Amino acid sequence: MSKYISGLLHLRRGPWEMLATIIIALGVLMLMQPFVMWAYTYSFITTLVGTVMFIIVSHFPE
């Protein structure tokens, strides 16, 4: 099993923060693209979920 997957399963901060950051970046990209309306529609909630997730996982152990 990879180190990243192991970190996710054992609730380690590093891998979860990386996943939350990727979700935030995805939400921002969805907001800035002009082609797909459903992506623009769900961009705010995606960014919000990533931000709340980052706040929660920042309390996980190293």
N, C-alpha and C. Protein backbone atom coordinates (compact mmCIF):
# COMPACT_ATOMS: atom_id res chain seq x y z
N MET A 1 0.86 -1.17 0.00
CA MET A 1 0.00 0.00 0.00
C MET A 1 0.90 1.23 0.00
N SER A 2 0.53 2.25 -0.76
CA SER A 2 1.38 3.43 -0.86
C SER A 2 1.33 4.25 0.42
N LYS A 3 2.33 5.09 0.58
CA LYS A 3 2.45 5.93 1.77
C LYS A 3 1.28 6.92 1.84
N TYR A 4 0.84 7.43 0.69
CA TYR A 4 -0.26 8.38 0.64
C TYR A 4 -1.57 7.73 1.11
N ILE A 5 -1.88 6.56 0.59
CA ILE A 5 -3.11 5.84 0.98
C ILE A 5 -3.05 5.47 2.45
N SER A 6 -1.90 5.04 2.91
CA SER A 6 -1.74 4.68 4.31
C SER A 6 -1.98 5.90 5.21
N GLY A 7 -1.49 7.06 4.79
CA GLY A 7 -1.71 8.28 5.56
C GLY A 7 -3.18 8.67 5.61
N LEU A 8 -3.90 8.46 4.51
CA LEU A 8 -5.34 8.75 4.50
C LEU A 8 -6.09 7.83 5.45
N LEU A 9 -5.74 6.56 5.41
CA LEU A 9 -6.45 5.58 6.24
C LEU A 9 -6.16 5.76 7.73
N HIS A 10 -4.98 6.27 8.05
CA HIS A 10 -4.61 6.45 9.45
C HIS A 10 -4.86 7.87 9.93
N LEU A 11 -5.61 8.66 9.16
CA LEU A 11 -6.00 10.02 9.50
C LEU A 11 -4.79 10.89 9.85
N ARG A 12 -3.80 10.89 8.98
CA ARG A 12 -2.63 11.75 9.14
C ARG A 12 -2.88 13.07 8.43
N ARG A 13 -2.33 14.13 8.96
CA ARG A 13 -2.61 15.48 8.46
C ARG A 13 -2.14 15.71 7.03
N GLY A 14 -0.94 15.32 6.69
CA GLY A 14 -0.36 15.63 5.39
C GLY A 14 -1.19 15.22 4.20
N PRO A 15 -1.53 13.94 4.07
CA PRO A 15 -2.33 13.51 2.92
C PRO A 15 -3.73 14.15 2.87
N TRP A 16 -4.36 14.34 4.02
CA TRP A 16 -5.69 14.94 4.03
C TRP A 16 -5.64 16.42 3.67
N GLU A 17 -4.58 17.13 4.13
CA GLU A 17 -4.44 18.52 3.74
C GLU A 17 -4.21 18.65 2.23
N MET A 18 -3.44 17.71 1.67
CA MET A 18 -3.21 17.74 0.23
C MET A 18 -4.52 17.52 -0.52
N LEU A 19 -5.33 16.58 -0.07
CA LEU A 19 -6.62 16.32 -0.71
C LEU A 19 -7.54 17.54 -0.60
N ALA A 20 -7.57 18.19 0.57
CA ALA A 20 -8.40 19.39 0.75
C ALA A 20 -7.92 20.52 -0.16
N THR A 21 -6.61 20.66 -0.31
CA THR A 21 -6.06 21.69 -1.19
C THR A 21 -6.43 21.43 -2.64
N ILE A 22 -6.41 20.17 -3.05
CA ILE A 22 -6.80 19.80 -4.41
C ILE A 22 -8.28 20.13 -4.65
N ILE A 23 -9.12 19.87 -3.66
CA ILE A 23 -10.55 20.18 -3.79
C ILE A 23 -10.76 21.68 -3.90
N ILE A 24 -10.03 22.47 -3.10
CA ILE A 24 -10.14 23.93 -3.19
C ILE A 24 -9.71 24.40 -4.59
N ALA A 25 -8.58 23.89 -5.07
CA ALA A 25 -8.10 24.29 -6.40
C ALA A 25 -9.09 23.89 -7.49
N LEU A 26 -9.70 22.72 -7.35
CA LEU A 26 -10.71 22.29 -8.31
C LEU A 26 -11.90 23.25 -8.32
N GLY A 27 -12.33 23.67 -7.13
CA GLY A 27 -13.43 24.62 -7.04
C GLY A 27 -13.11 25.95 -7.70
N VAL A 28 -11.88 26.43 -7.51
CA VAL A 28 -11.47 27.69 -8.14
C VAL A 28 -11.41 27.54 -9.66
N LEU A 29 -10.88 26.42 -10.14
CA LEU A 29 -10.86 26.18 -11.58
C LEU A 29 -12.27 26.09 -12.16
N MET A 30 -13.17 25.46 -11.42
CA MET A 30 -14.56 25.38 -11.87
C MET A 30 -15.18 26.78 -11.95
N LEU A 31 -14.80 27.65 -11.04
CA LEU A 31 -15.33 29.01 -11.03
C LEU A 31 -14.82 29.83 -12.20
N MET A 32 -13.58 29.62 -12.60
CA MET A 32 -12.97 30.47 -13.63
C MET A 32 -13.21 30.00 -15.06
N GLN A 33 -13.71 28.81 -15.25
CA GLN A 33 -13.91 28.33 -16.63
C GLN A 33 -15.24 28.86 -17.18
N PRO A 34 -15.28 29.23 -18.45
CA PRO A 34 -16.49 29.84 -19.01
C PRO A 34 -17.36 28.90 -19.84
N PHE A 35 -17.08 27.60 -19.86
CA PHE A 35 -17.72 26.72 -20.83
C PHE A 35 -18.84 25.84 -20.27
N VAL A 36 -18.67 25.32 -19.08
CA VAL A 36 -19.61 24.33 -18.53
C VAL A 36 -20.40 24.96 -17.39
N MET A 37 -21.69 25.11 -17.59
CA MET A 37 -22.51 25.80 -16.60
C MET A 37 -22.64 25.03 -15.29
N TRP A 38 -22.75 23.70 -15.34
CA TRP A 38 -22.89 22.94 -14.09
C TRP A 38 -21.63 23.06 -13.24
N ALA A 39 -20.45 23.16 -13.87
CA ALA A 39 -19.21 23.31 -13.10
C ALA A 39 -19.20 24.67 -12.41
N TYR A 40 -19.64 25.70 -13.12
CA TYR A 40 -19.72 27.03 -12.52
C TYR A 40 -20.73 27.05 -11.38
N THR A 41 -21.84 26.35 -11.56
CA THR A 41 -22.89 26.31 -10.55
C THR A 41 -22.40 25.69 -9.25
N TYR A 42 -21.62 24.62 -9.34
CA TYR A 42 -21.16 23.92 -8.14
C TYR A 42 -19.78 24.36 -7.67
N SER A 43 -19.21 25.40 -8.25
CA SER A 43 -17.86 25.81 -7.89
C SER A 43 -17.79 26.35 -6.46
N PHE A 44 -18.79 27.12 -6.05
CA PHE A 44 -18.75 27.69 -4.70
C PHE A 44 -18.84 26.61 -3.64
N ILE A 45 -19.76 25.67 -3.80
CA ILE A 45 -19.91 24.62 -2.80
C ILE A 45 -18.67 23.73 -2.76
N THR A 46 -18.03 23.51 -3.91
CA THR A 46 -16.81 22.71 -3.95
C THR A 46 -15.69 23.41 -3.19
N THR A 47 -15.53 24.71 -3.41
CA THR A 47 -14.51 25.47 -2.70
C THR A 47 -14.82 25.51 -1.21
N LEU A 48 -16.07 25.66 -0.86
CA LEU A 48 -16.47 25.69 0.54
C LEU A 48 -16.19 24.36 1.24
N VAL A 49 -16.52 23.26 0.58
CA VAL A 49 -16.25 21.94 1.16
C VAL A 49 -14.76 21.74 1.37
N GLY A 50 -13.95 22.14 0.40
CA GLY A 50 -12.51 22.01 0.54
C GLY A 50 -11.97 22.85 1.68
N THR A 51 -12.50 24.07 1.85
CA THR A 51 -12.05 24.94 2.92
C THR A 51 -12.42 24.39 4.30
N VAL A 52 -13.64 23.95 4.45
CA VAL A 52 -14.07 23.36 5.73
C VAL A 52 -13.28 22.09 6.02
N MET A 53 -13.05 21.29 4.99
CA MET A 53 -12.26 20.07 5.16
C MET A 53 -10.84 20.42 5.62
N PHE A 54 -10.24 21.46 5.03
CA PHE A 54 -8.89 21.87 5.41
C PHE A 54 -8.86 22.32 6.87
N ILE A 55 -9.87 23.06 7.31
CA ILE A 55 -9.92 23.50 8.70
C ILE A 55 -10.02 22.31 9.64
N ILE A 56 -10.83 21.32 9.29
CA ILE A 56 -11.00 20.15 10.15
C ILE A 56 -9.73 19.31 10.20
N VAL A 57 -9.14 19.03 9.04
CA VAL A 57 -7.97 18.14 9.02
C VAL A 57 -6.72 18.81 9.55
N SER A 58 -6.72 20.14 9.69
CA SER A 58 -5.55 20.79 10.27
C SER A 58 -5.40 20.45 11.75
N HIS A 59 -6.43 19.84 12.33
CA HIS A 59 -6.36 19.40 13.72
C HIS A 59 -5.96 17.93 13.87
N PHE A 60 -5.77 17.24 12.75
CA PHE A 60 -5.32 15.84 12.80
C PHE A 60 -3.87 15.78 13.26
N PRO A 61 -3.46 14.63 13.80
CA PRO A 61 -2.06 14.50 14.22
C PRO A 61 -1.12 14.41 13.02
N GLU A 62 0.13 14.77 13.25
CA GLU A 62 1.15 14.67 12.19
C GLU A 62 1.34 13.22 11.88
